[in-house]
Each structure stands twice: as C-alpha cells, then as structure tokens.
Amino acid sequence: MATLFWLQTGACGGDSLAILSAESPSVEQLFSSHGVELLWHPSLSHHAMRHHDELIERIVSGRQSLDILCVEGSIVTAPRGTGLYDSYQGRAKMEIARELAVRAGVVVAMGTCAAFGGVHAATPNPGDCIGLQFDRAQPGGLFAPDWRSQRGLPVINVAGCPAHPHAMTQTLAWLAAGLPLKLDELNRPLTHFSTVVHQGCTRNEYHEYDIEDHQPGGRACLFFNLGCQGPLTRAVCNSDLWNGVSSKTRAGVPCFGCTSPDFPRDNDLFRTEKIGEVPLRLPLGVERPRYMAYKNLARAAAPQRVRDKEMEP
C-alpha cells in the first residue's frame, strides 16, 4: 500500500471538491483497488486533529512512511518570508510542507495554486504566494529547481483550477503502482497535458472557418474576440468531459487557461489581446504569417450554414 497525506495550504479546497466527482478511478476505487492508504485528508478524514498532529510528527521523525504527499493551495510566504499569514498552531504551513516533502517518496501539487502560485499569486499578490517548485512560469518556488523527492522526482504538477478529477485520481493510481510517469517541461504528467483544450471542442468548425462570436452566448468560436485560451492550453477538458457531460467551451464560456503557469492573466479574461485584428498569442505550434493567410482564405470558403452559426442537423 502507498501511504498518502493531503495537506491544504493557501486557502484552497477546490481540488478536494473536484476529485469527489472522479469516476475512472473514483476516490473510493483509489483507496479500495489501487493500493492507496489515506493517512489524512482535511475533509475526508474523521479523526480528531490530534491524530493529524501525531501523523505529522511521526512522518517528520521517520516513524511513519509517506509515499505520496499531495499539497493543495498556494504557498504563502508573507510577511517577509515567514509564511505566517498561513499558519497552523503558530507554525507556517510552508514549513510543514517543506518538512513533509523531505520524507515523501513523491510530492504532487494538486491544482495550479500549488503548482505555480495560481489565483493567490496574481497581481498584486499580497501574500507573496508561490508554487511548490515554480513561481508562476519561473522554475523555483518553495523548492529549488533541482530539488527531488525520495524517489528522485521533481514536484509533479497536476495543474488546473481546479484540477481535472481524472488527472488527479489517475496520476495517484499511477504513482501508487510505482510506474514511471513522463512529465512535460512544467513537470505536468504528459498523460493529461499533451493535448490542448481546443481538441474536442464543439466549436472547432467555426474556428477553422474563422467564424467568431463577439458576445458570450453564441455558438461560434470564442478565440479571436472573447479571450478563449483553448488553442493554447494543455488539458483534457474537451476530450474527457467534466462529470462526463460538459466543459467550459461546451457551456459557452471561454477557456481561461487555468492549467497554465500564468493563470490568471492580468488582463480581462473575456477579451482577446490584439494588435489591430491579429491576436497577440496564436495557437500552439502555429506560425503567424501562415495562420493569418489561412484564416483569410478559410473565412471566404465558409459554408452558409457556418456563416449563419447553425448546428449540424
């Protein structure tokens, strides 16, 4: 059995709520069929807090093994590097996280806040918040870029605000089985961060023909005018639907790029930054001159059905 301790820092519980809707595997299956023993979770554990305190002491002293440490929430370092704006019984939670991580076989940042700083690290960042091993997009957070866990791994960043339920449970099941896990350049599991949100989006046809909405509520693409980050954001939201039913773009809301280290952006989330009519940021792997030439041709070739923003029968 792989022991797991879940630590909440930086005022976040969204990932704990999201993981409850996982189905493949579910949280129950994770603990009953995938070799995970839950030592502590702040919402799921029924023991008194003294048991929590004893567990931490036993882990830090080496009397209790810790295979997986999950951290949810940003690392608050204010004021002046003490971390006491986020404390437990007079101790900064960043110090508790540091002591537990030293003993852990692997450390998993659950959500963008723990991975990169997230919402709490947005300007003006009064809590001086950072991620476990990244400060926004810059390597180095609570831990230096070359820090490694007992299993020789960097902090594994299961990003998202909140993280996708299956990204969390499947990553934990993989780690509990002791299987190798390939990571991208931001230490996110490639199993869940190798495709973009744009793939599987029901608005793709409108995007290809450059038929764009200017106001929320329509059926066309949200990229050119309404700030959608789907073509630039690696996540499985449209290929593994939330609750097996929907996603932001299917509900008519732009993707905000919540798995990215620069989330949330400082500018208006519902507006595409442009120079003239050209977006500042284009889909991943796309060259600007070719993209704009293609879009001009595509718009001219759009079927009337697409121009009228009608759905396929």
C-alpha atoms as a PDB file:
ATOM      1  CA  MET A   1       0.000   0.000   0.000  1.00  0.00           C
ATOM      2  CA  ALA A   2       1.164   3.528  -0.821  1.00  0.00           C
ATOM      3  CA  THR A   3       0.524   5.939   2.021  1.00  0.00           C
ATOM      4  CA  LEU A   4      -0.907   9.376   1.142  1.00  0.00           C
ATOM      5  CA  PHE A   5      -1.076  12.581   3.180  1.00  0.00           C
ATOM      6  CA  TRP A   6      -3.084  15.531   1.788  1.00  0.00           C
ATOM      7  CA  LEU A   7      -2.063  18.988   3.010  1.00  0.00           C
ATOM      8  CA  GLN A   8      -4.102  22.117   2.327  1.00  0.00           C
ATOM      9  CA  THR A   9      -2.285  25.440   2.159  1.00  0.00           C
ATOM     10  CA  GLY A  10      -3.099  28.869   0.719  1.00  0.00           C
ATOM     11  CA  ALA A  11      -6.880  28.865   1.263  1.00  0.00           C
ATOM     12  CA  CYS A  12      -7.879  26.339  -1.408  1.00  0.00           C
ATOM     13  CA  GLY A  13     -10.283  23.408  -1.274  1.00  0.00           C
ATOM     14  CA  GLY A  14     -11.465  23.299  -4.885  1.00  0.00           C
ATOM     15  CA  ASP A  15      -9.344  20.311  -5.844  1.00  0.00           C
ATOM     16  CA  SER A  16     -10.704  18.316  -2.901  1.00  0.00           C
ATOM     17  CA  LEU A  17     -14.228  19.034  -4.147  1.00  0.00           C
ATOM     18  CA  ALA A  18     -13.368  18.220  -7.770  1.00  0.00           C
ATOM     19  CA  ILE A  19     -11.744  14.880  -7.018  1.00  0.00           C
ATOM     20  CA  LEU A  20     -15.005  13.651  -5.477  1.00  0.00           C
ATOM     21  CA  SER A  21     -16.581  13.557  -8.965  1.00  0.00           C
ATOM     22  CA  ALA A  22     -13.880  11.283 -10.407  1.00  0.00           C
ATOM     23  CA  GLU A  23     -15.165   8.020 -11.858  1.00  0.00           C
ATOM     24  CA  SER A  24     -12.151   6.365 -13.532  1.00  0.00           C
ATOM     25  CA  PRO A  25     -10.993   5.620 -10.929  1.00  0.00           C
ATOM     26  CA  SER A  26     -13.230   7.134  -8.292  1.00  0.00           C
ATOM     27  CA  VAL A  27     -11.869   8.199  -4.927  1.00  0.00           C
ATOM     28  CA  GLU A  28     -13.381   5.062  -3.407  1.00  0.00           C
ATOM     29  CA  GLN A  29     -11.701   2.867  -6.020  1.00  0.00           C
ATOM     30  CA  LEU A  30      -8.420   4.666  -5.476  1.00  0.00           C
ATOM     31  CA  PHE A  31      -8.413   3.578  -1.847  1.00  0.00           C
ATOM     32  CA  SER A  32     -10.004   0.136  -2.280  1.00  0.00           C
ATOM     33  CA  SER A  33      -8.483  -1.157  -5.530  1.00  0.00           C
ATOM     34  CA  HIS A  34      -5.385   0.878  -6.403  1.00  0.00           C
ATOM     35  CA  GLY A  35      -3.212   0.394  -3.362  1.00  0.00           C
ATOM     36  CA  VAL A  36      -3.571   3.838  -1.742  1.00  0.00           C
ATOM     37  CA  GLU A  37      -3.832   4.151   2.033  1.00  0.00           C
ATOM     38  CA  LEU A  38      -5.163   7.569   3.076  1.00  0.00           C
ATOM     39  CA  LEU A  39      -3.317   8.777   6.141  1.00  0.00           C
ATOM     40  CA  TRP A  40      -5.024  12.155   6.222  1.00  0.00           C
ATOM     41  CA  HIS A  41      -7.288  14.417   4.210  1.00  0.00           C
ATOM     42  CA  PRO A  42      -8.715  17.580   5.825  1.00  0.00           C
ATOM     43  CA  SER A  43     -12.240  16.882   4.527  1.00  0.00           C
ATOM     44  CA  LEU A  44     -12.382  13.083   4.239  1.00  0.00           C
ATOM     45  CA  SER A  45     -10.646  12.038   7.462  1.00  0.00           C
ATOM     46  CA  HIS A  46     -12.851  11.636  10.523  1.00  0.00           C
ATOM     47  CA  HIS A  47     -10.130  11.561  13.184  1.00  0.00           C
ATOM     48  CA  ALA A  48      -9.568  14.385  15.637  1.00  0.00           C
ATOM     49  CA  MET A  49      -6.898  16.954  14.818  1.00  0.00           C
ATOM     50  CA  ARG A  50      -4.579  15.473  17.407  1.00  0.00           C
ATOM     51  CA  HIS A  51      -4.305  12.446  15.101  1.00  0.00           C
ATOM     52  CA  HIS A  52      -3.306  14.847  12.293  1.00  0.00           C
ATOM     53  CA  ASP A  53      -0.646  16.393  14.540  1.00  0.00           C
ATOM     54  CA  GLU A  54       0.670  12.991  15.601  1.00  0.00           C
ATOM     55  CA  LEU A  55       0.873  11.855  11.965  1.00  0.00           C
ATOM     56  CA  ILE A  56       2.961  14.868  11.007  1.00  0.00           C
ATOM     57  CA  GLU A  57       5.296  14.286  13.946  1.00  0.00           C
ATOM     58  CA  ARG A  58       5.668  10.589  13.094  1.00  0.00           C
ATOM     59  CA  ILE A  59       6.340  11.306   9.402  1.00  0.00           C
ATOM     60  CA  VAL A  60       8.897  14.000  10.145  1.00  0.00           C
ATOM     61  CA  SER A  61      10.653  11.760  12.685  1.00  0.00           C
ATOM     62  CA  GLY A  62      10.748   8.863  10.223  1.00  0.00           C
ATOM     63  CA  ARG A  63       8.468   6.563  12.249  1.00  0.00           C
ATOM     64  CA  GLN A  64       5.695   6.719   9.620  1.00  0.00           C
ATOM     65  CA  SER A  65       6.439   6.169   5.953  1.00  0.00           C
ATOM     66  CA  LEU A  66       4.986   8.663   3.472  1.00  0.00           C
ATOM     67  CA  ASP A  67       4.836   7.573  -0.150  1.00  0.00           C
ATOM     68  CA  ILE A  68       2.739  10.393  -1.633  1.00  0.00           C
ATOM     69  CA  LEU A  69       2.373  13.936  -0.319  1.00  0.00           C
ATOM     70  CA  CYS A  70      -0.391  15.940  -2.012  1.00  0.00           C
ATOM     71  CA  VAL A  71      -0.385  19.696  -1.499  1.00  0.00           C
ATOM     72  CA  GLU A  72      -3.438  21.774  -2.398  1.00  0.00           C
ATOM     73  CA  GLY A  73      -3.250  25.570  -2.422  1.00  0.00           C
ATOM     74  CA  SER A  74      -0.530  28.127  -2.963  1.00  0.00           C
ATOM     75  CA  ILE A  75       2.477  28.527  -0.709  1.00  0.00           C
ATOM     76  CA  VAL A  76       2.048  31.763   1.259  1.00  0.00           C
ATOM     77  CA  THR A  77       5.441  33.257   2.153  1.00  0.00           C
ATOM     78  CA  ALA A  78       4.313  36.632   3.570  1.00  0.00           C
ATOM     79  CA  PRO A  79       5.060  38.510   5.699  1.00  0.00           C
ATOM     80  CA  ARG A  80       8.712  38.976   4.846  1.00  0.00           C
ATOM     81  CA  GLY A  81       9.361  35.330   4.040  1.00  0.00           C
ATOM     82  CA  THR A  82       7.993  33.936   7.316  1.00  0.00           C
ATOM     83  CA  GLY A  83       4.861  32.357   5.829  1.00  0.00           C
ATOM     84  CA  LEU A  84       2.905  33.201   8.983  1.00  0.00           C
ATOM     85  CA  TYR A  85      -0.032  34.628   7.044  1.00  0.00           C
ATOM     86  CA  ASP A  86      -0.920  30.947   6.520  1.00  0.00           C
ATOM     87  CA  SER A  87      -0.125  29.116   9.718  1.00  0.00           C
ATOM     88  CA  TYR A  88      -1.266  26.205  11.845  1.00  0.00           C
ATOM     89  CA  GLN A  89      -0.792  26.324  15.612  1.00  0.00           C
ATOM     90  CA  GLY A  90       1.796  29.070  15.225  1.00  0.00           C
ATOM     91  CA  ARG A  91       3.787  27.305  12.512  1.00  0.00           C
ATOM     92  CA  ALA A  92       3.927  28.445   8.918  1.00  0.00           C
ATOM     93  CA  LYS A  93       2.302  25.875   6.643  1.00  0.00           C
ATOM     94  CA  MET A  94       5.135  26.345   4.155  1.00  0.00           C
ATOM     95  CA  GLU A  95       7.475  24.924   6.806  1.00  0.00           C
ATOM     96  CA  ILE A  96       5.150  21.985   7.429  1.00  0.00           C
ATOM     97  CA  ALA A  97       5.041  21.333   3.681  1.00  0.00           C
ATOM     98  CA  ARG A  98       8.834  21.508   3.488  1.00  0.00           C
ATOM     99  CA  GLU A  99       9.327  19.031   6.365  1.00  0.00           C
ATOM    100  CA  LEU A 100       6.812  16.536   4.967  1.00  0.00           C
ATOM    101  CA  ALA A 101       8.212  16.800   1.433  1.00  0.00           C
ATOM    102  CA  VAL A 102      11.676  15.820   2.623  1.00  0.00           C
ATOM    103  CA  ARG A 103      10.237  12.494   3.813  1.00  0.00           C
ATOM    104  CA  ALA A 104       7.881  11.856   0.888  1.00  0.00           C
ATOM    105  CA  GLY A 105       8.503   9.356  -1.875  1.00  0.00           C
ATOM    106  CA  VAL A 106       6.839  11.749  -4.298  1.00  0.00           C
ATOM    107  CA  VAL A 107       5.251  15.204  -3.959  1.00  0.00           C
ATOM    108  CA  VAL A 108       2.201  16.129  -6.022  1.00  0.00           C
ATOM    109  CA  ALA A 109       0.990  19.708  -6.444  1.00  0.00           C
ATOM    110  CA  MET A 110      -2.781  19.379  -6.756  1.00  0.00           C
ATOM    111  CA  GLY A 111      -4.051  22.372  -8.704  1.00  0.00           C
ATOM    112  CA  THR A 112      -2.473  25.424 -10.279  1.00  0.00           C
ATOM    113  CA  CYS A 113      -2.106  27.248  -6.973  1.00  0.00           C
ATOM    114  CA  ALA A 114       0.157  24.559  -5.518  1.00  0.00           C
ATOM    115  CA  ALA A 115       1.948  24.116  -8.841  1.00  0.00           C
ATOM    116  CA  PHE A 116       2.583  27.717  -9.888  1.00  0.00           C
ATOM    117  CA  GLY A 117       1.010  30.099  -7.355  1.00  0.00           C
ATOM    118  CA  GLY A 118      -2.294  30.441  -9.200  1.00  0.00           C
ATOM    119  CA  VAL A 119      -5.023  32.865  -8.219  1.00  0.00           C
ATOM    120  CA  HIS A 120      -3.333  33.886  -4.981  1.00  0.00           C
ATOM    121  CA  ALA A 121      -0.124  34.820  -6.827  1.00  0.00           C
ATOM    122  CA  ALA A 122      -1.949  37.147  -9.233  1.00  0.00           C
ATOM    123  CA  THR A 123      -1.077  40.832  -9.134  1.00  0.00           C
ATOM    124  CA  PRO A 124      -0.678  42.402  -6.578  1.00  0.00           C
ATOM    125  CA  ASN A 125      -0.011  39.123  -4.691  1.00  0.00           C
ATOM    126  CA  PRO A 126      -0.282  40.484  -1.127  1.00  0.00           C
ATOM    127  CA  GLY A 127       0.539  37.062   0.333  1.00  0.00           C
ATOM    128  CA  ASP A 128       3.771  36.722  -1.669  1.00  0.00           C
ATOM    129  CA  CYS A 129       2.382  33.403  -2.907  1.00  0.00           C
ATOM    130  CA  ILE A 130       4.415  30.928  -4.937  1.00  0.00           C
ATOM    131  CA  GLY A 131       4.119  27.318  -6.075  1.00  0.00           C
ATOM    132  CA  LEU A 132       5.964  24.334  -4.677  1.00  0.00           C
ATOM    133  CA  GLN A 133       8.665  24.288  -7.366  1.00  0.00           C
ATOM    134  CA  PHE A 134       7.591  27.132  -9.672  1.00  0.00           C
ATOM    135  CA  ASP A 135       6.897  30.819  -9.179  1.00  0.00           C
ATOM    136  CA  ARG A 136       4.362  31.338 -11.942  1.00  0.00           C
ATOM    137  CA  ALA A 137       6.336  30.252 -15.047  1.00  0.00           C
ATOM    138  CA  GLN A 138       9.760  30.610 -13.426  1.00  0.00           C
ATOM    139  CA  PRO A 139      11.462  27.466 -12.047  1.00  0.00           C
ATOM    140  CA  GLY A 140      11.993  27.657  -8.312  1.00  0.00           C
ATOM    141  CA  GLY A 141       9.292  28.149  -5.678  1.00  0.00           C
ATOM    142  CA  LEU A 142       9.313  26.751  -2.168  1.00  0.00           C
ATOM    143  CA  PHE A 143      11.851  24.260  -3.533  1.00  0.00           C
ATOM    144  CA  ALA A 144      14.778  24.950  -5.848  1.00  0.00           C
ATOM    145  CA  PRO A 145      14.539  23.772  -9.485  1.00  0.00           C
ATOM    146  CA  ASP A 146      16.898  20.859  -8.801  1.00  0.00           C
ATOM    147  CA  TRP A 147      15.030  19.608  -5.714  1.00  0.00           C
ATOM    148  CA  ARG A 148      13.993  15.955  -5.879  1.00  0.00           C
ATOM    149  CA  SER A 149      11.832  13.720  -3.687  1.00  0.00           C
ATOM    150  CA  GLN A 150      12.878  10.391  -2.164  1.00  0.00           C
ATOM    151  CA  ARG A 151      12.006   8.663  -5.472  1.00  0.00           C
ATOM    152  CA  GLY A 152      14.184  11.120  -7.390  1.00  0.00           C
ATOM    153  CA  LEU A 153      11.265  13.064  -8.873  1.00  0.00           C
ATOM    154  CA  PRO A 154      10.551  16.787  -9.046  1.00  0.00           C
ATOM    155  CA  VAL A 155       7.216  18.045  -7.736  1.00  0.00           C
ATOM    156  CA  ILE A 156       4.568  16.629 -10.090  1.00  0.00           C
ATOM    157  CA  ASN A 157       2.223  19.430 -11.136  1.00  0.00           C
ATOM    158  CA  VAL A 158      -1.366  18.296 -11.675  1.00  0.00           C
ATOM    159  CA  ALA A 159      -2.439  21.780 -12.737  1.00  0.00           C
ATOM    160  CA  GLY A 160      -5.954  23.173 -13.074  1.00  0.00           C
ATOM    161  CA  CYS A 161      -8.302  25.477 -11.182  1.00  0.00           C
ATOM    162  CA  PRO A 162      -9.472  23.064 -10.048  1.00  0.00           C
ATOM    163  CA  ALA A 163      -7.501  20.159 -11.458  1.00  0.00           C
ATOM    164  CA  HIS A 164      -9.458  17.699 -13.594  1.00  0.00           C
ATOM    165  CA  PRO A 165     -10.782  14.850 -11.385  1.00  0.00           C
ATOM    166  CA  HIS A 166      -9.276  12.122 -13.570  1.00  0.00           C
ATOM    167  CA  ALA A 167      -5.956  13.928 -13.845  1.00  0.00           C
ATOM    168  CA  MET A 168      -5.784  13.654 -10.057  1.00  0.00           C
ATOM    169  CA  THR A 169      -7.003  10.096  -9.449  1.00  0.00           C
ATOM    170  CA  GLN A 170      -5.254   8.550 -12.452  1.00  0.00           C
ATOM    171  CA  THR A 171      -1.953  10.229 -11.565  1.00  0.00           C
ATOM    172  CA  LEU A 172      -2.235   8.986  -7.982  1.00  0.00           C
ATOM    173  CA  ALA A 173      -3.079   5.456  -9.128  1.00  0.00           C
ATOM    174  CA  TRP A 174      -0.089   5.506 -11.482  1.00  0.00           C
ATOM    175  CA  LEU A 175       2.253   6.682  -8.737  1.00  0.00           C
ATOM    176  CA  ALA A 176       0.884   4.180  -6.215  1.00  0.00           C
ATOM    177  CA  ALA A 177       1.665   1.391  -8.674  1.00  0.00           C
ATOM    178  CA  GLY A 178       5.258   2.623  -8.882  1.00  0.00           C
ATOM    179  CA  LEU A 179       5.070   3.109 -12.636  1.00  0.00           C
ATOM    180  CA  PRO A 180       7.272   5.684 -14.412  1.00  0.00           C
ATOM    181  CA  LEU A 181       5.499   8.940 -15.183  1.00  0.00           C
ATOM    182  CA  LYS A 182       6.585  11.106 -18.123  1.00  0.00           C
ATOM    183  CA  LEU A 183       6.428  14.847 -17.476  1.00  0.00           C
ATOM    184  CA  ASP A 184       6.396  17.913 -19.701  1.00  0.00           C
ATOM    185  CA  GLU A 185       8.642  20.965 -19.327  1.00  0.00           C
ATOM    186  CA  LEU A 186       6.446  22.238 -16.468  1.00  0.00           C
ATOM    187  CA  ASN A 187       6.528  18.861 -14.668  1.00  0.00           C
ATOM    188  CA  ARG A 188       2.917  18.085 -15.605  1.00  0.00           C
ATOM    189  CA  PRO A 189       2.031  14.448 -16.447  1.00  0.00           C
ATOM    190  CA  LEU A 190       2.039  14.033 -20.228  1.00  0.00           C
ATOM    191  CA  THR A 191      -0.898  11.653 -19.913  1.00  0.00           C
ATOM    192  CA  HIS A 192      -3.113  14.651 -19.186  1.00  0.00           C
ATOM    193  CA  PHE A 193      -1.145  17.610 -20.518  1.00  0.00           C
ATOM    194  CA  SER A 194      -0.096  16.664 -24.046  1.00  0.00           C
ATOM    195  CA  THR A 195      -3.228  17.803 -25.883  1.00  0.00           C
ATOM    196  CA  VAL A 196      -4.899  21.217 -25.949  1.00  0.00           C
ATOM    197  CA  VAL A 197      -8.394  22.126 -24.810  1.00  0.00           C
ATOM    198  CA  HIS A 198      -9.149  23.083 -28.427  1.00  0.00           C
ATOM    199  CA  GLN A 199      -9.060  19.384 -29.364  1.00  0.00           C
ATOM    200  CA  GLY A 200     -12.568  18.022 -28.958  1.00  0.00           C
ATOM    201  CA  CYS A 201     -14.151  21.475 -28.721  1.00  0.00           C
ATOM    202  CA  THR A 202     -17.603  21.549 -30.337  1.00  0.00           C
ATOM    203  CA  ARG A 203     -16.763  24.996 -31.764  1.00  0.00           C
ATOM    204  CA  ASN A 204     -13.808  23.766 -33.835  1.00  0.00           C
ATOM    205  CA  GLU A 205     -15.567  24.082 -37.180  1.00  0.00           C
ATOM    206  CA  TYR A 206     -16.287  27.742 -36.513  1.00  0.00           C
ATOM    207  CA  HIS A 207     -12.665  28.260 -35.511  1.00  0.00           C
ATOM    208  CA  GLU A 208     -11.372  26.665 -38.702  1.00  0.00           C
ATOM    209  CA  TYR A 209     -13.582  28.899 -40.832  1.00  0.00           C
ATOM    210  CA  ASP A 210     -12.816  31.980 -38.712  1.00  0.00           C
ATOM    211  CA  ILE A 211     -16.434  32.494 -37.694  1.00  0.00           C
ATOM    212  CA  GLU A 212     -16.170  34.208 -34.353  1.00  0.00           C
ATOM    213  CA  ASP A 213     -18.567  35.398 -31.665  1.00  0.00           C
ATOM    214  CA  HIS A 214     -18.269  38.921 -30.260  1.00  0.00           C
ATOM    215  CA  GLN A 215     -20.526  38.354 -27.254  1.00  0.00           C
ATOM    216  CA  PRO A 216     -20.980  35.345 -24.928  1.00  0.00           C
ATOM    217  CA  GLY A 217     -23.928  33.082 -25.564  1.00  0.00           C
ATOM    218  CA  GLY A 218     -23.421  32.254 -29.228  1.00  0.00           C
ATOM    219  CA  ARG A 219     -22.326  29.065 -30.962  1.00  0.00           C
ATOM    220  CA  ALA A 220     -19.231  30.276 -32.813  1.00  0.00           C
ATOM    221  CA  CYS A 221     -15.567  30.336 -31.774  1.00  0.00           C
ATOM    222  CA  LEU A 222     -14.522  32.334 -28.711  1.00  0.00           C
ATOM    223  CA  PHE A 223     -10.799  32.632 -29.529  1.00  0.00           C
ATOM    224  CA  PHE A 224     -10.459  35.789 -31.610  1.00  0.00           C
ATOM    225  CA  ASN A 225     -12.653  38.100 -29.533  1.00  0.00           C
ATOM    226  CA  LEU A 226     -13.666  36.599 -26.188  1.00  0.00           C
ATOM    227  CA  GLY A 227     -10.318  35.558 -24.745  1.00  0.00           C
ATOM    228  CA  CYS A 228     -10.606  31.768 -25.134  1.00  0.00           C
ATOM    229  CA  GLN A 229      -7.273  30.102 -24.352  1.00  0.00           C
ATOM    230  CA  GLY A 230      -8.324  26.664 -25.600  1.00  0.00           C
ATOM    231  CA  PRO A 231      -5.868  26.535 -28.532  1.00  0.00           C
ATOM    232  CA  LEU A 232      -3.009  27.499 -26.196  1.00  0.00           C
ATOM    233  CA  THR A 233      -3.834  25.445 -23.105  1.00  0.00           C
ATOM    234  CA  ARG A 234      -2.811  21.850 -22.472  1.00  0.00           C
ATOM    235  CA  ALA A 235      -5.607  19.981 -20.689  1.00  0.00           C
ATOM    236  CA  VAL A 236      -8.174  17.217 -21.272  1.00  0.00           C
ATOM    237  CA  CYS A 237     -11.321  19.251 -20.612  1.00  0.00           C
ATOM    238  CA  ASN A 238     -12.885  18.555 -24.029  1.00  0.00           C
ATOM    239  CA  SER A 239     -11.557  15.033 -24.526  1.00  0.00           C
ATOM    240  CA  ASP A 240     -12.514  13.843 -21.016  1.00  0.00           C
ATOM    241  CA  LEU A 241     -15.611  15.877 -20.188  1.00  0.00           C
ATOM    242  CA  TRP A 242     -16.215  17.104 -16.660  1.00  0.00           C
ATOM    243  CA  ASN A 243     -18.677  14.755 -14.944  1.00  0.00           C
ATOM    244  CA  GLY A 244     -18.790  13.018 -18.334  1.00  0.00           C
ATOM    245  CA  VAL A 245     -21.096  15.783 -19.550  1.00  0.00           C
ATOM    246  CA  SER A 246     -19.634  19.195 -20.318  1.00  0.00           C
ATOM    247  CA  SER A 247     -16.772  21.704 -20.337  1.00  0.00           C
ATOM    248  CA  LYS A 248     -16.406  25.470 -20.288  1.00  0.00           C
ATOM    249  CA  THR A 249     -16.489  25.852 -24.054  1.00  0.00           C
ATOM    250  CA  ARG A 250     -19.462  23.485 -24.405  1.00  0.00           C
ATOM    251  CA  ALA A 251     -21.297  25.664 -21.903  1.00  0.00           C
ATOM    252  CA  GLY A 252     -20.435  28.799 -23.907  1.00  0.00           C
ATOM    253  CA  VAL A 253     -17.674  30.055 -21.603  1.00  0.00           C
ATOM    254  CA  PRO A 254     -14.124  30.734 -22.858  1.00  0.00           C
ATOM    255  CA  CYS A 255     -11.313  28.540 -21.620  1.00  0.00           C
ATOM    256  CA  PHE A 256      -9.317  30.698 -19.201  1.00  0.00           C
ATOM    257  CA  GLY A 257      -6.148  28.602 -19.454  1.00  0.00           C
ATOM    258  CA  CYS A 258      -6.286  27.517 -15.829  1.00  0.00           C
ATOM    259  CA  THR A 259      -3.667  24.765 -16.226  1.00  0.00           C
ATOM    260  CA  SER A 260      -1.046  27.302 -17.351  1.00  0.00           C
ATOM    261  CA  PRO A 261       1.564  28.866 -15.058  1.00  0.00           C
ATOM    262  CA  ASP A 262       0.462  32.423 -15.953  1.00  0.00           C
ATOM    263  CA  PHE A 263      -3.144  31.814 -14.848  1.00  0.00           C
ATOM    264  CA  PRO A 264      -4.937  34.062 -14.122  1.00  0.00           C
ATOM    265  CA  ARG A 265      -3.855  36.591 -16.721  1.00  0.00           C
ATOM    266  CA  ASP A 266      -3.647  40.185 -15.535  1.00  0.00           C
ATOM    267  CA  ASN A 267      -5.884  41.462 -18.346  1.00  0.00           C
ATOM    268  CA  ASP A 268      -9.615  40.964 -18.970  1.00  0.00           C
ATOM    269  CA  LEU A 269     -10.335  37.222 -19.140  1.00  0.00           C
ATOM    270  CA  PHE A 270     -13.161  37.790 -21.636  1.00  0.00           C
ATOM    271  CA  ARG A 271     -11.128  39.827 -24.120  1.00  0.00           C
ATOM    272  CA  THR A 272      -8.552  38.751 -26.695  1.00  0.00           C
ATOM    273  CA  GLU A 273      -5.485  40.980 -26.712  1.00  0.00           C
ATOM    274  CA  LYS A 274      -4.743  42.078 -30.283  1.00  0.00           C
ATOM    275  CA  ILE A 275      -2.631  44.295 -32.439  1.00  0.00           C
ATOM    276  CA  GLY A 276      -5.229  45.569 -34.853  1.00  0.00           C
ATOM    277  CA  GLU A 277      -7.199  42.453 -35.789  1.00  0.00           C
ATOM    278  CA  VAL A 278      -4.412  39.996 -35.030  1.00  0.00           C
ATOM    279  CA  PRO A 279      -4.325  38.177 -31.644  1.00  0.00           C
ATOM    280  CA  LEU A 280      -1.068  38.582 -29.725  1.00  0.00           C
ATOM    281  CA  ARG A 281      -0.993  34.870 -28.922  1.00  0.00           C
ATOM    282  CA  LEU A 282      -1.761  32.241 -31.536  1.00  0.00           C
ATOM    283  CA  PRO A 283      -2.469  28.513 -31.154  1.00  0.00           C
ATOM    284  CA  LEU A 284       0.465  26.383 -30.036  1.00  0.00           C
ATOM    285  CA  GLY A 285       2.847  25.445 -32.839  1.00  0.00           C
ATOM    286  CA  VAL A 286       1.342  27.905 -35.346  1.00  0.00           C
ATOM    287  CA  GLU A 287       3.356  30.402 -37.393  1.00  0.00           C
ATOM    288  CA  ARG A 288       1.722  33.836 -37.552  1.00  0.00           C
ATOM    289  CA  PRO A 289       2.038  34.632 -41.305  1.00  0.00           C
ATOM    290  CA  ARG A 290       0.715  31.246 -42.414  1.00  0.00           C
ATOM    291  CA  TYR A 291      -2.058  31.306 -39.843  1.00  0.00           C
ATOM    292  CA  MET A 292      -3.397  34.700 -40.889  1.00  0.00           C
ATOM    293  CA  ALA A 293      -3.232  33.842 -44.597  1.00  0.00           C
ATOM    294  CA  TYR A 294      -5.074  30.580 -43.948  1.00  0.00           C
ATOM    295  CA  LYS A 295      -7.752  32.312 -41.882  1.00  0.00           C
ATOM    296  CA  ASN A 296      -8.478  34.853 -44.604  1.00  0.00           C
ATOM    297  CA  LEU A 297      -8.966  32.052 -47.130  1.00  0.00           C
ATOM    298  CA  ALA A 298     -10.997  29.945 -44.724  1.00  0.00           C
ATOM    299  CA  ARG A 299     -13.409  32.771 -43.945  1.00  0.00           C
ATOM    300  CA  ALA A 300     -14.118  33.221 -47.651  1.00  0.00           C
ATOM    301  CA  ALA A 301     -14.753  29.482 -48.041  1.00  0.00           C
ATOM    302  CA  ALA A 302     -17.081  29.112 -45.049  1.00  0.00           C
ATOM    303  CA  PRO A 303     -20.366  27.322 -45.874  1.00  0.00           C
ATOM    304  CA  GLN A 304     -23.511  29.379 -45.426  1.00  0.00           C
ATOM    305  CA  ARG A 305     -24.589  27.100 -42.599  1.00  0.00           C
ATOM    306  CA  VAL A 306     -21.436  28.011 -40.673  1.00  0.00           C
ATOM    307  CA  ARG A 307     -21.768  31.700 -41.511  1.00  0.00           C
ATOM    308  CA  ASP A 308     -25.294  31.580 -40.085  1.00  0.00           C
ATOM    309  CA  LYS A 309     -23.894  29.842 -36.972  1.00  0.00           C
ATOM    310  CA  GLU A 310     -26.206  26.908 -37.331  1.00  0.00           C
ATOM    311  CA  MET A 311     -25.633  23.472 -35.857  1.00  0.00           C
ATOM    312  CA  GLU A 312     -25.252  20.307 -37.922  1.00  0.00           C
ATOM    313  CA  PRO A 313     -28.634  18.514 -38.254  1.00  0.00           C
END
